[in-house]
């Protein structure tokens, strides 16, 4: 029909920068990048980037009230009519907004992901802790803290009913519930560890070593990769030492002399 959206040049620049970054990362000249073809097997979710020049922070006084209503205005195009107003519930006026992205999840919901400059860092504690990863309990610390994320079995019956009924909307909602609950539990667990300790040691174990066994479902449900990923960047931000060690012979090696000659073998020892 000849109609087009007169987007900001900054938005087009942000898209081009992300595409160039992906090409450099995967070392490919051409990428199957953000496909929205209805006939494609895998479609990309919606994504609109914004640079700092297209973001405005507004503070308006509500009628009949003394308080100010803080909103963030995103300019989608050069026209003033094409703007999106977001309610600022985090009081971002205290920080210097850097970038913003509108992202879409699998259920079709849109979220604003905003980055700010000079955000106060989390201070680490003074303790030391070791983390043992497992299937029954996702993680157990040497201080006695336990993280249990066995959520797939909890929602298995509801998920099976929705799948048999071919209710795709309900299936996506259940998977999102499992993912969000697991993420919330892991975030609370890792935040507590970083705030209380100066040294965190985790066993170097890979999920791919168990995905071809009977423990595959439990391993995926445990979320080992996500636990280590969060600890990695949170420790770097708080100045906490994060180390991954090889677990081989760790239960047979003497903690004093380092010998394994007279060490116990298996459960019998």
C-alpha atoms as a PDB file:
ATOM      1  CA  UNK A   1       0.000   0.000   0.000  1.00  0.00           C
ATOM      2  CA  UNK A   2       3.054   2.256   0.165  1.00  0.00           C
ATOM      3  CA  UNK A   3       2.665   3.008   3.889  1.00  0.00           C
ATOM      4  CA  UNK A   4       5.743   2.952   6.098  1.00  0.00           C
ATOM      5  CA  UNK A   5       6.737   3.884   9.630  1.00  0.00           C
ATOM      6  CA  UNK A   6       9.018   6.905   9.885  1.00  0.00           C
ATOM      7  CA  UNK A   7      11.271   5.476  12.591  1.00  0.00           C
ATOM      8  CA  UNK A   8      13.946   7.333  14.447  1.00  0.00           C
ATOM      9  CA  UNK A   9      17.405   7.080  12.958  1.00  0.00           C
ATOM     10  CA  UNK A  10      18.666   6.118  16.444  1.00  0.00           C
ATOM     11  CA  UNK A  11      16.369   3.085  16.454  1.00  0.00           C
ATOM     12  CA  UNK A  12      17.667   1.986  13.063  1.00  0.00           C
ATOM     13  CA  UNK A  13      21.229   2.488  14.289  1.00  0.00           C
ATOM     14  CA  UNK A  14      20.556   0.341  17.362  1.00  0.00           C
ATOM     15  CA  UNK A  15      19.186  -2.467  15.178  1.00  0.00           C
ATOM     16  CA  UNK A  16      22.190  -2.270  12.844  1.00  0.00           C
ATOM     17  CA  UNK A  17      24.637  -2.299  15.775  1.00  0.00           C
ATOM     18  CA  UNK A  18      23.021  -5.399  17.273  1.00  0.00           C
ATOM     19  CA  UNK A  19      23.075  -7.162  13.889  1.00  0.00           C
ATOM     20  CA  UNK A  20      26.751  -6.312  13.379  1.00  0.00           C
ATOM     21  CA  UNK A  21      27.538  -7.532  16.881  1.00  0.00           C
ATOM     22  CA  UNK A  22      25.801 -10.854  16.163  1.00  0.00           C
ATOM     23  CA  UNK A  23      27.715 -11.299  12.901  1.00  0.00           C
ATOM     24  CA  UNK A  24      30.986 -10.678  14.715  1.00  0.00           C
ATOM     25  CA  UNK A  25      30.059 -13.015  17.553  1.00  0.00           C
ATOM     26  CA  UNK A  26      29.108 -15.964  15.328  1.00  0.00           C
ATOM     27  CA  UNK A  27      31.697 -15.106  12.634  1.00  0.00           C
ATOM     28  CA  UNK A  28      29.180 -15.294   9.801  1.00  0.00           C
ATOM     29  CA  UNK A  29      28.472 -12.910   6.935  1.00  0.00           C
ATOM     30  CA  UNK A  30      24.781 -13.850   6.779  1.00  0.00           C
ATOM     31  CA  UNK A  31      22.480 -14.648   9.676  1.00  0.00           C
ATOM     32  CA  UNK A  32      18.969 -16.040   9.924  1.00  0.00           C
ATOM     33  CA  UNK A  33      18.280 -13.021  12.057  1.00  0.00           C
ATOM     34  CA  UNK A  34      14.925 -12.131  13.657  1.00  0.00           C
ATOM     35  CA  UNK A  35      12.709 -14.099  11.292  1.00  0.00           C
ATOM     36  CA  UNK A  36       9.007 -13.170  11.349  1.00  0.00           C
ATOM     37  CA  UNK A  37       7.943 -15.224   8.342  1.00  0.00           C
ATOM     38  CA  UNK A  38       4.671 -17.033   9.269  1.00  0.00           C
ATOM     39  CA  UNK A  39       5.848 -20.120   7.360  1.00  0.00           C
ATOM     40  CA  UNK A  40       9.150 -20.346   9.268  1.00  0.00           C
ATOM     41  CA  UNK A  41       9.550 -23.131  11.800  1.00  0.00           C
ATOM     42  CA  UNK A  42      10.947 -20.757  14.385  1.00  0.00           C
ATOM     43  CA  UNK A  43       9.858 -17.134  14.584  1.00  0.00           C
ATOM     44  CA  UNK A  44      11.605 -14.398  16.531  1.00  0.00           C
ATOM     45  CA  UNK A  45       9.771 -12.478  19.223  1.00  0.00           C
ATOM     46  CA  UNK A  46       9.099  -8.764  18.946  1.00  0.00           C
ATOM     47  CA  UNK A  47      11.943  -6.410  19.807  1.00  0.00           C
ATOM     48  CA  UNK A  48      12.255  -2.608  19.510  1.00  0.00           C
ATOM     49  CA  UNK A  49      15.450  -0.904  20.733  1.00  0.00           C
ATOM     50  CA  UNK A  50      15.637   2.714  21.850  1.00  0.00           C
ATOM     51  CA  UNK A  51      18.626   4.943  22.371  1.00  0.00           C
ATOM     52  CA  UNK A  52      18.989   7.650  24.962  1.00  0.00           C
ATOM     53  CA  UNK A  53      17.821  10.429  22.633  1.00  0.00           C
ATOM     54  CA  UNK A  54      14.421   8.749  22.152  1.00  0.00           C
ATOM     55  CA  UNK A  55      13.763   8.384  25.901  1.00  0.00           C
ATOM     56  CA  UNK A  56      12.241  11.147  28.003  1.00  0.00           C
ATOM     57  CA  UNK A  57      11.498  11.077  31.718  1.00  0.00           C
ATOM     58  CA  UNK A  58       8.400  13.106  32.619  1.00  0.00           C
ATOM     59  CA  UNK A  59       7.004  14.083  36.016  1.00  0.00           C
ATOM     60  CA  UNK A  60       3.377  15.283  35.997  1.00  0.00           C
ATOM     61  CA  UNK A  61       1.251  16.320  38.953  1.00  0.00           C
ATOM     62  CA  UNK A  62      -2.003  14.403  39.298  1.00  0.00           C
ATOM     63  CA  UNK A  63      -5.226  16.381  39.555  1.00  0.00           C
ATOM     64  CA  UNK A  64      -6.257  16.968  43.168  1.00  0.00           C
ATOM     65  CA  UNK A  65      -3.089  15.325  44.534  1.00  0.00           C
ATOM     66  CA  UNK A  66       0.195  16.744  45.746  1.00  0.00           C
ATOM     67  CA  UNK A  67       2.244  13.744  44.583  1.00  0.00           C
ATOM     68  CA  UNK A  68       3.951  13.606  41.212  1.00  0.00           C
ATOM     69  CA  UNK A  69       3.281  10.834  38.707  1.00  0.00           C
ATOM     70  CA  UNK A  70       6.544   9.712  37.140  1.00  0.00           C
ATOM     71  CA  UNK A  71       6.353   8.348  33.584  1.00  0.00           C
ATOM     72  CA  UNK A  72       8.816   7.402  30.879  1.00  0.00           C
ATOM     73  CA  UNK A  73       8.000   8.452  27.324  1.00  0.00           C
ATOM     74  CA  UNK A  74       9.415   6.453  24.430  1.00  0.00           C
ATOM     75  CA  UNK A  75       9.386   8.139  21.050  1.00  0.00           C
ATOM     76  CA  UNK A  76       8.674   5.434  18.469  1.00  0.00           C
ATOM     77  CA  UNK A  77       9.022   7.699  15.451  1.00  0.00           C
ATOM     78  CA  UNK A  78       9.692  11.307  14.541  1.00  0.00           C
ATOM     79  CA  UNK A  79       6.010  12.134  14.815  1.00  0.00           C
ATOM     80  CA  UNK A  80       4.949  13.211  18.324  1.00  0.00           C
ATOM     81  CA  UNK A  81       1.783  11.127  18.032  1.00  0.00           C
ATOM     82  CA  UNK A  82       3.720   7.850  17.949  1.00  0.00           C
ATOM     83  CA  UNK A  83       4.853   7.756  21.592  1.00  0.00           C
ATOM     84  CA  UNK A  84       4.554   5.171  24.352  1.00  0.00           C
ATOM     85  CA  UNK A  85       4.071   6.241  27.973  1.00  0.00           C
ATOM     86  CA  UNK A  86       5.250   3.875  30.723  1.00  0.00           C
ATOM     87  CA  UNK A  87       4.501   4.290  34.412  1.00  0.00           C
ATOM     88  CA  UNK A  88       7.770   4.546  36.331  1.00  0.00           C
ATOM     89  CA  UNK A  89       7.245   2.323  39.383  1.00  0.00           C
ATOM     90  CA  UNK A  90      10.994   2.069  40.122  1.00  0.00           C
ATOM     91  CA  UNK A  91      11.590   5.845  40.428  1.00  0.00           C
ATOM     92  CA  UNK A  92      14.164   5.876  37.645  1.00  0.00           C
ATOM     93  CA  UNK A  93      14.390   9.657  37.876  1.00  0.00           C
ATOM     94  CA  UNK A  94      17.116   9.069  40.480  1.00  0.00           C
ATOM     95  CA  UNK A  95      19.364   7.509  37.817  1.00  0.00           C
ATOM     96  CA  UNK A  96      20.716   8.396  34.405  1.00  0.00           C
ATOM     97  CA  UNK A  97      18.809   6.281  31.849  1.00  0.00           C
ATOM     98  CA  UNK A  98      21.100   4.784  29.235  1.00  0.00           C
ATOM     99  CA  UNK A  99      19.100   2.547  26.872  1.00  0.00           C
ATOM    100  CA  UNK A 100      15.711   0.884  26.662  1.00  0.00           C
ATOM    101  CA  UNK A 101      14.331  -2.087  24.738  1.00  0.00           C
ATOM    102  CA  UNK A 102      10.758  -3.243  24.319  1.00  0.00           C
ATOM    103  CA  UNK A 103      10.814  -7.052  24.230  1.00  0.00           C
ATOM    104  CA  UNK A 104       8.055  -9.578  23.712  1.00  0.00           C
ATOM    105  CA  UNK A 105       7.753 -12.910  25.492  1.00  0.00           C
ATOM    106  CA  UNK A 106       6.279 -16.185  24.218  1.00  0.00           C
ATOM    107  CA  UNK A 107       2.815 -15.269  25.515  1.00  0.00           C
ATOM    108  CA  UNK A 108       2.711 -12.050  23.503  1.00  0.00           C
ATOM    109  CA  UNK A 109       3.326  -9.745  26.456  1.00  0.00           C
ATOM    110  CA  UNK A 110       5.600  -6.748  26.102  1.00  0.00           C
ATOM    111  CA  UNK A 111       8.167  -5.594  28.664  1.00  0.00           C
ATOM    112  CA  UNK A 112      10.457  -2.574  28.880  1.00  0.00           C
ATOM    113  CA  UNK A 113      14.069  -3.477  29.700  1.00  0.00           C
ATOM    114  CA  UNK A 114      15.868  -0.323  30.849  1.00  0.00           C
ATOM    115  CA  UNK A 115      19.548   0.093  31.681  1.00  0.00           C
ATOM    116  CA  UNK A 116      20.821   2.930  33.866  1.00  0.00           C
ATOM    117  CA  UNK A 117      24.253   4.383  34.607  1.00  0.00           C
ATOM    118  CA  UNK A 118      25.969   4.566  37.998  1.00  0.00           C
ATOM    119  CA  UNK A 119      23.559   2.164  39.703  1.00  0.00           C
ATOM    120  CA  UNK A 120      24.716   1.440  43.298  1.00  0.00           C
ATOM    121  CA  UNK A 121      26.643  -1.821  43.542  1.00  0.00           C
ATOM    122  CA  UNK A 122      25.825  -4.610  45.966  1.00  0.00           C
ATOM    123  CA  UNK A 123      28.423  -5.054  48.706  1.00  0.00           C
ATOM    124  CA  UNK A 124      29.604  -8.586  49.409  1.00  0.00           C
ATOM    125  CA  UNK A 125      29.982 -10.082  52.881  1.00  0.00           C
ATOM    126  CA  UNK A 126      32.994 -11.510  54.695  1.00  0.00           C
ATOM    127  CA  UNK A 127      32.233 -15.251  54.825  1.00  0.00           C
ATOM    128  CA  UNK A 128      33.281 -18.195  52.696  1.00  0.00           C
ATOM    129  CA  UNK A 129      30.968 -20.850  51.310  1.00  0.00           C
ATOM    130  CA  UNK A 130      31.056 -23.891  49.045  1.00  0.00           C
ATOM    131  CA  UNK A 131      28.163 -24.955  46.808  1.00  0.00           C
ATOM    132  CA  UNK A 132      27.330 -28.552  45.942  1.00  0.00           C
ATOM    133  CA  UNK A 133      25.053 -28.964  42.906  1.00  0.00           C
ATOM    134  CA  UNK A 134      22.643 -31.894  42.755  1.00  0.00           C
ATOM    135  CA  UNK A 135      19.348 -33.206  41.402  1.00  0.00           C
ATOM    136  CA  UNK A 136      17.261 -33.799  44.531  1.00  0.00           C
ATOM    137  CA  UNK A 137      18.248 -30.340  45.752  1.00  0.00           C
ATOM    138  CA  UNK A 138      19.518 -27.990  43.057  1.00  0.00           C
ATOM    139  CA  UNK A 139      22.192 -26.513  45.329  1.00  0.00           C
ATOM    140  CA  UNK A 140      23.295 -27.047  48.929  1.00  0.00           C
ATOM    141  CA  UNK A 141      25.716 -24.651  50.579  1.00  0.00           C
ATOM    142  CA  UNK A 142      28.242 -25.525  53.275  1.00  0.00           C
ATOM    143  CA  UNK A 143      26.305 -23.184  55.585  1.00  0.00           C
ATOM    144  CA  UNK A 144      23.192 -25.350  55.333  1.00  0.00           C
ATOM    145  CA  UNK A 145      21.191 -23.281  52.827  1.00  0.00           C
ATOM    146  CA  UNK A 146      19.231 -25.454  50.388  1.00  0.00           C
ATOM    147  CA  UNK A 147      17.789 -24.509  46.989  1.00  0.00           C
ATOM    148  CA  UNK A 148      15.032 -26.762  45.644  1.00  0.00           C
ATOM    149  CA  UNK A 149      13.629 -26.030  42.192  1.00  0.00           C
ATOM    150  CA  UNK A 150      11.779 -29.260  41.335  1.00  0.00           C
ATOM    151  CA  UNK A 151       8.912 -27.457  39.635  1.00  0.00           C
ATOM    152  CA  UNK A 152       8.401 -29.585  36.514  1.00  0.00           C
ATOM    153  CA  UNK A 153       6.959 -32.465  38.553  1.00  0.00           C
ATOM    154  CA  UNK A 154       4.724 -30.051  40.440  1.00  0.00           C
ATOM    155  CA  UNK A 155       3.042 -28.812  37.249  1.00  0.00           C
ATOM    156  CA  UNK A 156       3.316 -32.091  35.314  1.00  0.00           C
ATOM    157  CA  UNK A 157      -0.353 -33.050  35.697  1.00  0.00           C
ATOM    158  CA  UNK A 158      -1.685 -29.634  34.648  1.00  0.00           C
ATOM    159  CA  UNK A 159       0.743 -29.546  31.730  1.00  0.00           C
ATOM    160  CA  UNK A 160      -0.326 -33.007  30.542  1.00  0.00           C
ATOM    161  CA  UNK A 161      -4.017 -32.014  30.625  1.00  0.00           C
ATOM    162  CA  UNK A 162      -3.338 -28.881  28.564  1.00  0.00           C
ATOM    163  CA  UNK A 163      -1.220 -30.787  26.049  1.00  0.00           C
ATOM    164  CA  UNK A 164      -3.857 -33.474  25.548  1.00  0.00           C
ATOM    165  CA  UNK A 165      -6.467 -30.760  25.017  1.00  0.00           C
ATOM    166  CA  UNK A 166      -4.115 -29.066  22.504  1.00  0.00           C
ATOM    167  CA  UNK A 167      -4.521 -25.806  24.390  1.00  0.00           C
ATOM    168  CA  UNK A 168      -1.329 -24.070  23.255  1.00  0.00           C
ATOM    169  CA  UNK A 169      -2.095 -20.873  25.144  1.00  0.00           C
ATOM    170  CA  UNK A 170      -2.419 -22.772  28.430  1.00  0.00           C
ATOM    171  CA  UNK A 171       0.754 -24.786  27.724  1.00  0.00           C
ATOM    172  CA  UNK A 172       2.761 -21.594  27.149  1.00  0.00           C
ATOM    173  CA  UNK A 173       1.369 -20.103  30.371  1.00  0.00           C
ATOM    174  CA  UNK A 174       2.381 -23.163  32.426  1.00  0.00           C
ATOM    175  CA  UNK A 175       5.892 -23.202  30.956  1.00  0.00           C
ATOM    176  CA  UNK A 176       6.211 -19.477  31.703  1.00  0.00           C
ATOM    177  CA  UNK A 177       5.040 -20.078  35.287  1.00  0.00           C
ATOM    178  CA  UNK A 178       7.672 -22.788  35.778  1.00  0.00           C
ATOM    179  CA  UNK A 179      10.421 -20.634  34.295  1.00  0.00           C
ATOM    180  CA  UNK A 180       9.538 -17.491  36.264  1.00  0.00           C
ATOM    181  CA  UNK A 181       9.222 -19.384  39.556  1.00  0.00           C
ATOM    182  CA  UNK A 182      12.581 -21.108  39.025  1.00  0.00           C
ATOM    183  CA  UNK A 183      14.231 -17.789  38.156  1.00  0.00           C
ATOM    184  CA  UNK A 184      12.782 -16.138  41.266  1.00  0.00           C
ATOM    185  CA  UNK A 185      14.030 -18.910  43.579  1.00  0.00           C
ATOM    186  CA  UNK A 186      17.523 -18.856  42.050  1.00  0.00           C
ATOM    187  CA  UNK A 187      17.748 -15.057  42.253  1.00  0.00           C
ATOM    188  CA  UNK A 188      16.839 -15.073  45.959  1.00  0.00           C
ATOM    189  CA  UNK A 189      19.343 -17.861  46.661  1.00  0.00           C
ATOM    190  CA  UNK A 190      22.245 -16.245  44.791  1.00  0.00           C
ATOM    191  CA  UNK A 191      21.549 -12.772  46.226  1.00  0.00           C
ATOM    192  CA  UNK A 192      21.720 -14.166  49.747  1.00  0.00           C
ATOM    193  CA  UNK A 193      25.039 -15.887  49.017  1.00  0.00           C
ATOM    194  CA  UNK A 194      26.680 -12.810  47.491  1.00  0.00           C
ATOM    195  CA  UNK A 195      25.575 -10.474  50.304  1.00  0.00           C
ATOM    196  CA  UNK A 196      26.900 -12.813  53.018  1.00  0.00           C
ATOM    197  CA  UNK A 197      30.181 -14.101  51.549  1.00  0.00           C
ATOM    198  CA  UNK A 198      33.454 -12.900  50.097  1.00  0.00           C
ATOM    199  CA  UNK A 199      34.428 -16.252  48.534  1.00  0.00           C
ATOM    200  CA  UNK A 200      32.050 -18.634  46.729  1.00  0.00           C
ATOM    201  CA  UNK A 201      33.312 -21.981  45.417  1.00  0.00           C
ATOM    202  CA  UNK A 202      31.139 -24.126  43.117  1.00  0.00           C
ATOM    203  CA  UNK A 203      31.764 -27.560  41.688  1.00  0.00           C
ATOM    204  CA  UNK A 204      32.610 -27.531  37.989  1.00  0.00           C
ATOM    205  CA  UNK A 205      29.847 -29.726  36.622  1.00  0.00           C
ATOM    206  CA  UNK A 206      28.103 -29.598  33.239  1.00  0.00           C
ATOM    207  CA  UNK A 207      24.464 -30.379  32.540  1.00  0.00           C
ATOM    208  CA  UNK A 208      25.356 -31.892  29.157  1.00  0.00           C
ATOM    209  CA  UNK A 209      27.118 -34.761  30.926  1.00  0.00           C
ATOM    210  CA  UNK A 210      23.742 -36.032  32.206  1.00  0.00           C
ATOM    211  CA  UNK A 211      21.284 -35.072  29.467  1.00  0.00           C
ATOM    212  CA  UNK A 212      21.537 -38.468  27.766  1.00  0.00           C
ATOM    213  CA  UNK A 213      20.777 -40.401  30.977  1.00  0.00           C
ATOM    214  CA  UNK A 214      17.647 -41.025  33.036  1.00  0.00           C
ATOM    215  CA  UNK A 215      18.465 -37.922  35.080  1.00  0.00           C
ATOM    216  CA  UNK A 216      17.956 -35.567  32.123  1.00  0.00           C
ATOM    217  CA  UNK A 217      14.593 -34.192  33.307  1.00  0.00           C
ATOM    218  CA  UNK A 218      15.831 -33.617  36.859  1.00  0.00           C
ATOM    219  CA  UNK A 219      19.051 -31.989  35.617  1.00  0.00           C
ATOM    220  CA  UNK A 220      17.179 -29.570  33.360  1.00  0.00           C
ATOM    221  CA  UNK A 221      14.810 -28.772  36.229  1.00  0.00           C
ATOM    222  CA  UNK A 222      17.701 -28.075  38.611  1.00  0.00           C
ATOM    223  CA  UNK A 223      18.994 -25.135  36.571  1.00  0.00           C
ATOM    224  CA  UNK A 224      22.740 -25.572  37.251  1.00  0.00           C
ATOM    225  CA  UNK A 225      23.758 -23.319  34.383  1.00  0.00           C
ATOM    226  CA  UNK A 226      21.491 -20.507  35.580  1.00  0.00           C
ATOM    227  CA  UNK A 227      22.824 -20.761  39.138  1.00  0.00           C
ATOM    228  CA  UNK A 228      26.426 -20.445  37.968  1.00  0.00           C
ATOM    229  CA  UNK A 229      25.551 -17.715  35.458  1.00  0.00           C
ATOM    230  CA  UNK A 230      23.929 -15.552  38.128  1.00  0.00           C
ATOM    231  CA  UNK A 231      26.727 -16.134  40.621  1.00  0.00           C
ATOM    232  CA  UNK A 232      29.301 -15.186  37.977  1.00  0.00           C
ATOM    233  CA  UNK A 233      27.958 -11.724  37.157  1.00  0.00           C
ATOM    234  CA  UNK A 234      26.677 -10.945  40.659  1.00  0.00           C
ATOM    235  CA  UNK A 235      30.048 -11.748  42.228  1.00  0.00           C
ATOM    236  CA  UNK A 236      31.813  -9.610  39.616  1.00  0.00           C
ATOM    237  CA  UNK A 237      29.476  -6.705  40.408  1.00  0.00           C
ATOM    238  CA  UNK A 238      29.841  -7.015  44.194  1.00  0.00           C
ATOM    239  CA  UNK A 239      33.591  -7.703  44.247  1.00  0.00           C
ATOM    240  CA  UNK A 240      33.129 -11.263  45.534  1.00  0.00           C
ATOM    241  CA  UNK A 241      35.563 -14.034  44.530  1.00  0.00           C
ATOM    242  CA  UNK A 242      33.847 -16.749  42.465  1.00  0.00           C
ATOM    243  CA  UNK A 243      35.719 -19.989  41.701  1.00  0.00           C
ATOM    244  CA  UNK A 244      34.686 -23.198  39.915  1.00  0.00           C
ATOM    245  CA  UNK A 245      36.682 -26.263  40.962  1.00  0.00           C
ATOM    246  CA  UNK A 246      36.935 -29.765  39.569  1.00  0.00           C
ATOM    247  CA  UNK A 247      34.995 -32.234  41.736  1.00  0.00           C
ATOM    248  CA  UNK A 248      37.067 -35.263  40.717  1.00  0.00           C
ATOM    249  CA  UNK A 249      38.386 -37.114  43.806  1.00  0.00           C
ATOM    250  CA  UNK A 250      37.264 -34.229  46.035  1.00  0.00           C
ATOM    251  CA  UNK A 251      35.697 -36.670  48.538  1.00  0.00           C
ATOM    252  CA  UNK A 252      38.794 -38.937  48.565  1.00  0.00           C
ATOM    253  CA  UNK A 253      41.556 -36.354  48.888  1.00  0.00           C
ATOM    254  CA  UNK A 254      42.846 -35.593  52.393  1.00  0.00           C
ATOM    255  CA  UNK A 255      42.272 -31.931  53.282  1.00  0.00           C
ATOM    256  CA  UNK A 256      45.579 -31.817  55.239  1.00  0.00           C
ATOM    257  CA  UNK A 257      48.214 -33.643  53.166  1.00  0.00           C
ATOM    258  CA  UNK A 258      46.415 -34.026  49.826  1.00  0.00           C
ATOM    259  CA  UNK A 259      46.984 -37.818  49.702  1.00  0.00           C
ATOM    260  CA  UNK A 260      44.550 -40.308  48.121  1.00  0.00           C
ATOM    261  CA  UNK A 261      46.364 -43.600  48.860  1.00  0.00           C
ATOM    262  CA  UNK A 262      44.424 -44.624  51.950  1.00  0.00           C
ATOM    263  CA  UNK A 263      41.224 -42.754  51.046  1.00  0.00           C
ATOM    264  CA  UNK A 264      37.770 -44.370  51.197  1.00  0.00           C
ATOM    265  CA  UNK A 265      36.400 -45.841  47.962  1.00  0.00           C
ATOM    266  CA  UNK A 266      32.661 -45.515  47.414  1.00  0.00           C
ATOM    267  CA  UNK A 267      29.986 -45.816  50.074  1.00  0.00           C
ATOM    268  CA  UNK A 268      31.513 -48.865  51.725  1.00  0.00           C
ATOM    269  CA  UNK A 269      34.614 -46.892  52.637  1.00  0.00           C
END
